[in-house]
């Protein structure tokens, strides 16, 4: 059976909101890595969903399935994905 590569719509809404607001966010990845930056865009490619995160001067693409937690830095709201 193929692994689900699309997150639930209710969780995707948080990422869409972050991108629309160009919000400063912090991500905790499943491997323990933490990344902070500005949410820029979401896209789907090869049946995977990706977040474009601006970290300093670089843009990083993060597979949404690799994210354990999303935190909105302005409000402190934390959303567990895993």
PDB file of N, CA and C in Angstrom:
ATOM      1  N   UNK A   1       0.836  -1.174   0.000  1.00  0.00           N
ATOM      2  CA  UNK A   1       0.000   0.000   0.000  1.00  0.00           C
ATOM      3  C   UNK A   1       0.884   1.241   0.000  1.00  0.00           C
ATOM      4  N   UNK A   2       0.567   2.222  -0.829  1.00  0.00           N
ATOM      5  CA  UNK A   2       1.366   3.434  -0.957  1.00  0.00           C
ATOM      6  C   UNK A   2       1.200   4.333   0.265  1.00  0.00           C
ATOM      7  N   UNK A   3       2.279   4.975   0.668  1.00  0.00           N
ATOM      8  CA  UNK A   3       2.271   5.899   1.779  1.00  0.00           C
ATOM      9  C   UNK A   3       1.534   7.175   1.373  1.00  0.00           C
ATOM     10  N   UNK A   4       0.665   7.694   2.265  1.00  0.00           N
ATOM     11  CA  UNK A   4      -0.045   8.940   2.004  1.00  0.00           C
ATOM     12  C   UNK A   4       0.961  10.089   1.988  1.00  0.00           C
ATOM     13  N   UNK A   5       0.975  10.849   0.913  1.00  0.00           N
ATOM     14  CA  UNK A   5       1.920  11.952   0.787  1.00  0.00           C
ATOM     15  C   UNK A   5       1.227  13.303   0.832  1.00  0.00           C
ATOM     16  N   UNK A   6      -0.068  13.290   1.170  1.00  0.00           N
ATOM     17  CA  UNK A   6      -0.849  14.517   1.259  1.00  0.00           C
ATOM     18  C   UNK A   6      -1.376  14.631   2.691  1.00  0.00           C
ATOM     19  N   UNK A   7      -1.176  15.792   3.317  1.00  0.00           N
ATOM     20  CA  UNK A   7      -1.664  15.968   4.682  1.00  0.00           C
ATOM     21  C   UNK A   7      -3.157  16.262   4.676  1.00  0.00           C
ATOM     22  N   UNK A   8      -3.782  16.121   5.830  1.00  0.00           N
ATOM     23  CA  UNK A   8      -5.212  16.399   5.956  1.00  0.00           C
ATOM     24  C   UNK A   8      -5.501  17.863   5.620  1.00  0.00           C
ATOM     25  N   UNK A   9      -6.671  18.095   5.029  1.00  0.00           N
ATOM     26  CA  UNK A   9      -7.073  19.445   4.629  1.00  0.00           C
ATOM     27  C   UNK A   9      -7.072  20.402   5.814  1.00  0.00           C
ATOM     28  N   UNK A  10      -7.505  19.934   6.968  1.00  0.00           N
ATOM     29  CA  UNK A  10      -7.557  20.802   8.145  1.00  0.00           C
ATOM     30  C   UNK A  10      -6.160  21.293   8.537  1.00  0.00           C
ATOM     31  N   UNK A  11      -5.139  20.467   8.334  1.00  0.00           N
ATOM     32  CA  UNK A  11      -3.765  20.878   8.620  1.00  0.00           C
ATOM     33  C   UNK A  11      -3.202  21.747   7.506  1.00  0.00           C
ATOM     34  N   UNK A  12      -3.557  21.444   6.269  1.00  0.00           N
ATOM     35  CA  UNK A  12      -3.074  22.236   5.142  1.00  0.00           C
ATOM     36  C   UNK A  12      -3.553  23.678   5.249  1.00  0.00           C
ATOM     37  N   UNK A  13      -4.734  23.872   5.823  1.00  0.00           N
ATOM     38  CA  UNK A  13      -5.264  25.229   6.005  1.00  0.00           C
ATOM     39  C   UNK A  13      -4.309  26.107   6.806  1.00  0.00           C
ATOM     40  N   UNK A  14      -3.637  25.542   7.801  1.00  0.00           N
ATOM     41  CA  UNK A  14      -2.672  26.314   8.588  1.00  0.00           C
ATOM     42  C   UNK A  14      -1.507  26.792   7.713  1.00  0.00           C
ATOM     43  N   UNK A  15      -1.031  25.931   6.840  1.00  0.00           N
ATOM     44  CA  UNK A  15       0.073  26.320   5.956  1.00  0.00           C
ATOM     45  C   UNK A  15      -0.372  27.357   4.936  1.00  0.00           C
ATOM     46  N   UNK A  16      -1.575  27.194   4.401  1.00  0.00           N
ATOM     47  CA  UNK A  16      -2.107  28.180   3.457  1.00  0.00           C
ATOM     48  C   UNK A  16      -2.237  29.541   4.125  1.00  0.00           C
ATOM     49  N   UNK A  17      -2.742  29.557   5.352  1.00  0.00           N
ATOM     50  CA  UNK A  17      -2.878  30.802   6.105  1.00  0.00           C
ATOM     51  C   UNK A  17      -1.506  31.443   6.332  1.00  0.00           C
ATOM     52  N   UNK A  18      -0.531  30.635   6.703  1.00  0.00           N
ATOM     53  CA  UNK A  18       0.822  31.145   6.939  1.00  0.00           C
ATOM     54  C   UNK A  18       1.391  31.786   5.673  1.00  0.00           C
ATOM     55  N   UNK A  19       1.160  31.160   4.524  1.00  0.00           N
ATOM     56  CA  UNK A  19       1.679  31.694   3.265  1.00  0.00           C
ATOM     57  C   UNK A  19       0.976  32.990   2.872  1.00  0.00           C
ATOM     58  N   UNK A  20      -0.338  33.025   3.017  1.00  0.00           N
ATOM     59  CA  UNK A  20      -1.094  34.242   2.684  1.00  0.00           C
ATOM     60  C   UNK A  20      -0.614  35.410   3.540  1.00  0.00           C
ATOM     61  N   UNK A  21      -0.359  35.143   4.816  1.00  0.00           N
ATOM     62  CA  UNK A  21       0.094  36.181   5.743  1.00  0.00           C
ATOM     63  C   UNK A  21       1.594  36.480   5.620  1.00  0.00           C
ATOM     64  N   UNK A  22       2.314  35.623   4.862  1.00  0.00           N
ATOM     65  CA  UNK A  22       3.780  35.702   4.834  1.00  0.00           C
ATOM     66  C   UNK A  22       4.293  35.682   6.283  1.00  0.00           C
ATOM     67  N   UNK A  23       3.722  34.761   7.056  1.00  0.00           N
ATOM     68  CA  UNK A  23       3.978  34.680   8.498  1.00  0.00           C
ATOM     69  C   UNK A  23       5.374  34.140   8.792  1.00  0.00           C
ATOM     70  N   UNK A  24       5.934  34.623   9.889  1.00  0.00           N
ATOM     71  CA  UNK A  24       7.164  34.061  10.418  1.00  0.00           C
ATOM     72  C   UNK A  24       6.768  32.828  11.210  1.00  0.00           C
ATOM     73  N   UNK A  25       7.389  31.699  10.854  1.00  0.00           N
ATOM     74  CA  UNK A  25       7.044  30.424  11.475  1.00  0.00           C
ATOM     75  C   UNK A  25       8.298  29.674  11.885  1.00  0.00           C
ATOM     76  N   UNK A  26       8.093  28.713  12.769  1.00  0.00           N
ATOM     77  CA  UNK A  26       9.172  27.774  13.130  1.00  0.00           C
ATOM     78  C   UNK A  26       8.634  26.378  12.882  1.00  0.00           C
ATOM     79  N   UNK A  27       9.441  25.561  12.237  1.00  0.00           N
ATOM     80  CA  UNK A  27       9.080  24.182  11.949  1.00  0.00           C
ATOM     81  C   UNK A  27       9.972  23.247  12.750  1.00  0.00           C
ATOM     82  N   UNK A  28       9.364  22.215  13.292  1.00  0.00           N
ATOM     83  CA  UNK A  28      10.117  21.112  13.885  1.00  0.00           C
ATOM     84  C   UNK A  28       9.917  19.941  12.942  1.00  0.00           C
ATOM     85  N   UNK A  29      11.008  19.471  12.351  1.00  0.00           N
ATOM     86  CA  UNK A  29      10.926  18.356  11.418  1.00  0.00           C
ATOM     87  C   UNK A  29      11.002  17.037  12.186  1.00  0.00           C
ATOM     88  N   UNK A  30      10.541  15.987  11.547  1.00  0.00           N
ATOM     89  CA  UNK A  30      10.516  14.666  12.182  1.00  0.00           C
ATOM     90  C   UNK A  30      11.904  14.162  12.558  1.00  0.00           C
ATOM     91  N   UNK A  31      12.944  14.662  11.879  1.00  0.00           N
ATOM     92  CA  UNK A  31      14.312  14.242  12.206  1.00  0.00           C
ATOM     93  C   UNK A  31      14.932  15.079  13.328  1.00  0.00           C
ATOM     94  N   UNK A  32      14.133  16.005  13.915  1.00  0.00           N
ATOM     95  CA  UNK A  32      14.610  16.827  15.019  1.00  0.00           C
ATOM     96  C   UNK A  32      15.133  18.193  14.608  1.00  0.00           C
ATOM     97  N   UNK A  33      15.294  18.437  13.323  1.00  0.00           N
ATOM     98  CA  UNK A  33      15.770  19.722  12.816  1.00  0.00           C
ATOM     99  C   UNK A  33      14.724  20.797  13.066  1.00  0.00           C
ATOM    100  N   UNK A  34      15.164  21.997  13.474  1.00  0.00           N
ATOM    101  CA  UNK A  34      14.283  23.152  13.599  1.00  0.00           C
ATOM    102  C   UNK A  34      14.671  24.176  12.547  1.00  0.00           C
ATOM    103  N   UNK A  35      13.665  24.731  11.875  1.00  0.00           N
ATOM    104  CA  UNK A  35      13.868  25.772  10.877  1.00  0.00           C
ATOM    105  C   UNK A  35      12.925  26.918  11.167  1.00  0.00           C
ATOM    106  N   UNK A  36      13.428  28.144  11.087  1.00  0.00           N
ATOM    107  CA  UNK A  36      12.592  29.327  11.238  1.00  0.00           C
ATOM    108  C   UNK A  36      12.733  30.179   9.995  1.00  0.00           C
ATOM    109  N   UNK A  37      11.615  30.768   9.577  1.00  0.00           N
ATOM    110  CA  UNK A  37      11.646  31.629   8.409  1.00  0.00           C
ATOM    111  C   UNK A  37      10.260  32.148   8.084  1.00  0.00           C
ATOM    112  N   UNK A  38      10.115  32.649   6.864  1.00  0.00           N
ATOM    113  CA  UNK A  38       8.859  33.223   6.399  1.00  0.00           C
ATOM    114  C   UNK A  38       8.212  32.248   5.422  1.00  0.00           C
ATOM    115  N   UNK A  39       6.951  31.922   5.694  1.00  0.00           N
ATOM    116  CA  UNK A  39       6.188  31.033   4.802  1.00  0.00           C
ATOM    117  C   UNK A  39       5.892  31.787   3.517  1.00  0.00           C
ATOM    118  N   UNK A  40       6.294  31.226   2.376  1.00  0.00           N
ATOM    119  CA  UNK A  40       6.154  31.915   1.099  1.00  0.00           C
ATOM    120  C   UNK A  40       5.110  31.313   0.174  1.00  0.00           C
ATOM    121  N   UNK A  41       5.087  29.980   0.036  1.00  0.00           N
ATOM    122  CA  UNK A  41       4.211  29.372  -0.955  1.00  0.00           C
ATOM    123  C   UNK A  41       4.048  27.882  -0.667  1.00  0.00           C
ATOM    124  N   UNK A  42       2.951  27.329  -1.173  1.00  0.00           N
ATOM    125  CA  UNK A  42       2.710  25.893  -1.149  1.00  0.00           C
ATOM    126  C   UNK A  42       2.564  25.415  -2.574  1.00  0.00           C
ATOM    127  N   UNK A  43       3.062  24.232  -2.865  1.00  0.00           N
ATOM    128  CA  UNK A  43       2.818  23.651  -4.190  1.00  0.00           C
ATOM    129  C   UNK A  43       2.812  22.131  -4.079  1.00  0.00           C
ATOM    130  N   UNK A  44       2.243  21.529  -5.100  1.00  0.00           N
ATOM    131  CA  UNK A  44       2.179  20.073  -5.180  1.00  0.00           C
ATOM    132  C   UNK A  44       2.984  19.635  -6.394  1.00  0.00           C
ATOM    133  N   UNK A  45       3.856  18.668  -6.168  1.00  0.00           N
ATOM    134  CA  UNK A  45       4.710  18.159  -7.241  1.00  0.00           C
ATOM    135  C   UNK A  45       4.982  16.693  -6.957  1.00  0.00           C
ATOM    136  N   UNK A  46       4.822  15.866  -7.976  1.00  0.00           N
ATOM    137  CA  UNK A  46       5.062  14.425  -7.828  1.00  0.00           C
ATOM    138  C   UNK A  46       4.248  13.823  -6.676  1.00  0.00           C
ATOM    139  N   UNK A  47       3.002  14.264  -6.566  1.00  0.00           N
ATOM    140  CA  UNK A  47       2.069  13.776  -5.544  1.00  0.00           C
ATOM    141  C   UNK A  47       2.539  14.060  -4.123  1.00  0.00           C
ATOM    142  N   UNK A  48       3.399  15.062  -3.951  1.00  0.00           N
ATOM    143  CA  UNK A  48       3.850  15.512  -2.634  1.00  0.00           C
ATOM    144  C   UNK A  48       3.551  17.007  -2.511  1.00  0.00           C
ATOM    145  N   UNK A  49       3.282  17.438  -1.274  1.00  0.00           N
ATOM    146  CA  UNK A  49       3.034  18.850  -1.015  1.00  0.00           C
ATOM    147  C   UNK A  49       4.284  19.467  -0.393  1.00  0.00           C
ATOM    148  N   UNK A  50       4.639  20.654  -0.878  1.00  0.00           N
ATOM    149  CA  UNK A  50       5.869  21.319  -0.476  1.00  0.00           C
ATOM    150  C   UNK A  50       5.574  22.720   0.030  1.00  0.00           C
ATOM    151  N   UNK A  51       6.288  23.134   1.079  1.00  0.00           N
ATOM    152  CA  UNK A  51       6.241  24.489   1.601  1.00  0.00           C
ATOM    153  C   UNK A  51       7.522  25.194   1.199  1.00  0.00           C
ATOM    154  N   UNK A  52       7.382  26.388   0.619  1.00  0.00           N
ATOM    155  CA  UNK A  52       8.543  27.227   0.339  1.00  0.00           C
ATOM    156  C   UNK A  52       8.748  28.120   1.558  1.00  0.00           C
ATOM    157  N   UNK A  53       9.879  27.963   2.219  1.00  0.00           N
ATOM    158  CA  UNK A  53      10.213  28.714   3.427  1.00  0.00           C
ATOM    159  C   UNK A  53      11.438  29.566   3.147  1.00  0.00           C
ATOM    160  N   UNK A  54      11.308  30.877   3.371  1.00  0.00           N
ATOM    161  CA  UNK A  54      12.452  31.764   3.209  1.00  0.00           C
ATOM    162  C   UNK A  54      13.212  31.802   4.528  1.00  0.00           C
ATOM    163  N   UNK A  55      14.429  31.277   4.487  1.00  0.00           N
ATOM    164  CA  UNK A  55      15.301  31.236   5.654  1.00  0.00           C
ATOM    165  C   UNK A  55      16.468  32.163   5.344  1.00  0.00           C
ATOM    166  N   UNK A  56      16.503  33.300   6.040  1.00  0.00           N
ATOM    167  CA  UNK A  56      17.483  34.350   5.744  1.00  0.00           C
ATOM    168  C   UNK A  56      17.345  34.726   4.265  1.00  0.00           C
ATOM    169  N   UNK A  57      18.381  34.583   3.495  1.00  0.00           N
ATOM    170  CA  UNK A  57      18.335  34.950   2.072  1.00  0.00           C
ATOM    171  C   UNK A  57      18.028  33.757   1.169  1.00  0.00           C
ATOM    172  N   UNK A  58      17.891  32.573   1.739  1.00  0.00           N
ATOM    173  CA  UNK A  58      17.674  31.358   0.952  1.00  0.00           C
ATOM    174  C   UNK A  58      16.224  30.900   1.018  1.00  0.00           C
ATOM    175  N   UNK A  59      15.750  30.291  -0.063  1.00  0.00           N
ATOM    176  CA  UNK A  59      14.451  29.636  -0.080  1.00  0.00           C
ATOM    177  C   UNK A  59      14.670  28.139   0.038  1.00  0.00           C
ATOM    178  N   UNK A  60      13.931  27.514   0.964  1.00  0.00           N
ATOM    179  CA  UNK A  60      14.032  26.067   1.173  1.00  0.00           C
ATOM    180  C   UNK A  60      12.673  25.453   0.898  1.00  0.00           C
ATOM    181  N   UNK A  61      12.664  24.341   0.185  1.00  0.00           N
ATOM    182  CA  UNK A  61      11.435  23.593  -0.028  1.00  0.00           C
ATOM    183  C   UNK A  61      11.389  22.464   0.992  1.00  0.00           C
ATOM    184  N   UNK A  62      10.287  22.407   1.745  1.00  0.00           N
ATOM    185  CA  UNK A  62      10.124  21.418   2.797  1.00  0.00           C
ATOM    186  C   UNK A  62       8.911  20.561   2.463  1.00  0.00           C
ATOM    187  N   UNK A  63       9.096  19.254   2.424  1.00  0.00           N
ATOM    188  CA  UNK A  63       7.992  18.320   2.218  1.00  0.00           C
ATOM    189  C   UNK A  63       7.101  18.373   3.467  1.00  0.00           C
ATOM    190  N   UNK A  64       5.801  18.650   3.279  1.00  0.00           N
ATOM    191  CA  UNK A  64       4.904  18.761   4.428  1.00  0.00           C
ATOM    192  C   UNK A  64       4.866  17.487   5.257  1.00  0.00           C
ATOM    193  N   UNK A  65       5.115  16.351   4.634  1.00  0.00           N
ATOM    194  CA  UNK A  65       5.109  15.083   5.368  1.00  0.00           C
ATOM    195  C   UNK A  65       6.318  14.949   6.307  1.00  0.00           C
ATOM    196  N   UNK A  66       7.325  15.809   6.153  1.00  0.00           N
ATOM    197  CA  UNK A  66       8.504  15.780   7.014  1.00  0.00           C
ATOM    198  C   UNK A  66       8.350  16.659   8.253  1.00  0.00           C
ATOM    199  N   UNK A  67       7.225  17.387   8.349  1.00  0.00           N
ATOM    200  CA  UNK A  67       7.029  18.350   9.432  1.00  0.00           C
ATOM    201  C   UNK A  67       6.244  17.708  10.574  1.00  0.00           C
ATOM    202  N   UNK A  68       6.793  17.846  11.771  1.00  0.00           N
ATOM    203  CA  UNK A  68       6.132  17.332  12.968  1.00  0.00           C
ATOM    204  C   UNK A  68       5.292  18.417  13.647  1.00  0.00           C
ATOM    205  N   UNK A  69       5.824  19.667  13.631  1.00  0.00           N
ATOM    206  CA  UNK A  69       5.116  20.753  14.314  1.00  0.00           C
ATOM    207  C   UNK A  69       5.334  22.065  13.585  1.00  0.00           C
ATOM    208  N   UNK A  70       4.285  22.873  13.531  1.00  0.00           N
ATOM    209  CA  UNK A  70       4.309  24.216  12.961  1.00  0.00           C
ATOM    210  C   UNK A  70       4.012  25.194  14.094  1.00  0.00           C
ATOM    211  N   UNK A  71       4.834  26.240  14.210  1.00  0.00           N
ATOM    212  CA  UNK A  71       4.588  27.275  15.220  1.00  0.00           C
ATOM    213  C   UNK A  71       4.553  28.637  14.545  1.00  0.00           C
ATOM    214  N   UNK A  72       3.487  29.394  14.815  1.00  0.00           N
ATOM    215  CA  UNK A  72       3.396  30.775  14.356  1.00  0.00           C
ATOM    216  C   UNK A  72       4.122  31.638  15.380  1.00  0.00           C
ATOM    217  N   UNK A  73       5.220  32.275  14.976  1.00  0.00           N
ATOM    218  CA  UNK A  73       6.061  32.983  15.936  1.00  0.00           C
ATOM    219  C   UNK A  73       5.381  34.220  16.514  1.00  0.00           C
ATOM    220  N   UNK A  74       4.516  34.880  15.756  1.00  0.00           N
ATOM    221  CA  UNK A  74       3.853  36.088  16.257  1.00  0.00           C
ATOM    222  C   UNK A  74       2.896  35.770  17.404  1.00  0.00           C
ATOM    223  N   UNK A  75       2.166  34.668  17.274  1.00  0.00           N
ATOM    224  CA  UNK A  75       1.145  34.328  18.272  1.00  0.00           C
ATOM    225  C   UNK A  75       1.572  33.237  19.241  1.00  0.00           C
ATOM    226  N   UNK A  76       2.574  32.458  18.870  1.00  0.00           N
ATOM    227  CA  UNK A  76       2.998  31.337  19.695  1.00  0.00           C
ATOM    228  C   UNK A  76       2.146  30.079  19.511  1.00  0.00           C
ATOM    229  N   UNK A  77       1.161  30.162  18.600  1.00  0.00           N
ATOM    230  CA  UNK A  77       0.297  28.996  18.340  1.00  0.00           C
ATOM    231  C   UNK A  77       1.129  27.865  17.745  1.00  0.00           C
ATOM    232  N   UNK A  78       0.955  26.659  18.326  1.00  0.00           N
ATOM    233  CA  UNK A  78       1.674  25.477  17.851  1.00  0.00           C
ATOM    234  C   UNK A  78       0.671  24.439  17.359  1.00  0.00           C
ATOM    235  N   UNK A  79       0.960  23.872  16.181  1.00  0.00           N
ATOM    236  CA  UNK A  79       0.097  22.860  15.594  1.00  0.00           C
ATOM    237  C   UNK A  79       0.926  21.605  15.404  1.00  0.00           C
ATOM    238  N   UNK A  80       0.509  20.517  16.050  1.00  0.00           N
ATOM    239  CA  UNK A  80       1.170  19.213  15.887  1.00  0.00           C
ATOM    240  C   UNK A  80       0.622  18.544  14.636  1.00  0.00           C
ATOM    241  N   UNK A  81       1.528  18.064  13.784  1.00  0.00           N
ATOM    242  CA  UNK A  81       1.117  17.397  12.566  1.00  0.00           C
ATOM    243  C   UNK A  81       1.265  15.881  12.686  1.00  0.00           C
ATOM    244  N   UNK A  82       2.185  15.439  13.518  1.00  0.00           N
ATOM    245  CA  UNK A  82       2.450  13.994  13.624  1.00  0.00           C
ATOM    246  C   UNK A  82       1.741  13.407  14.808  1.00  0.00           C
TER     247      UNK A  82
END
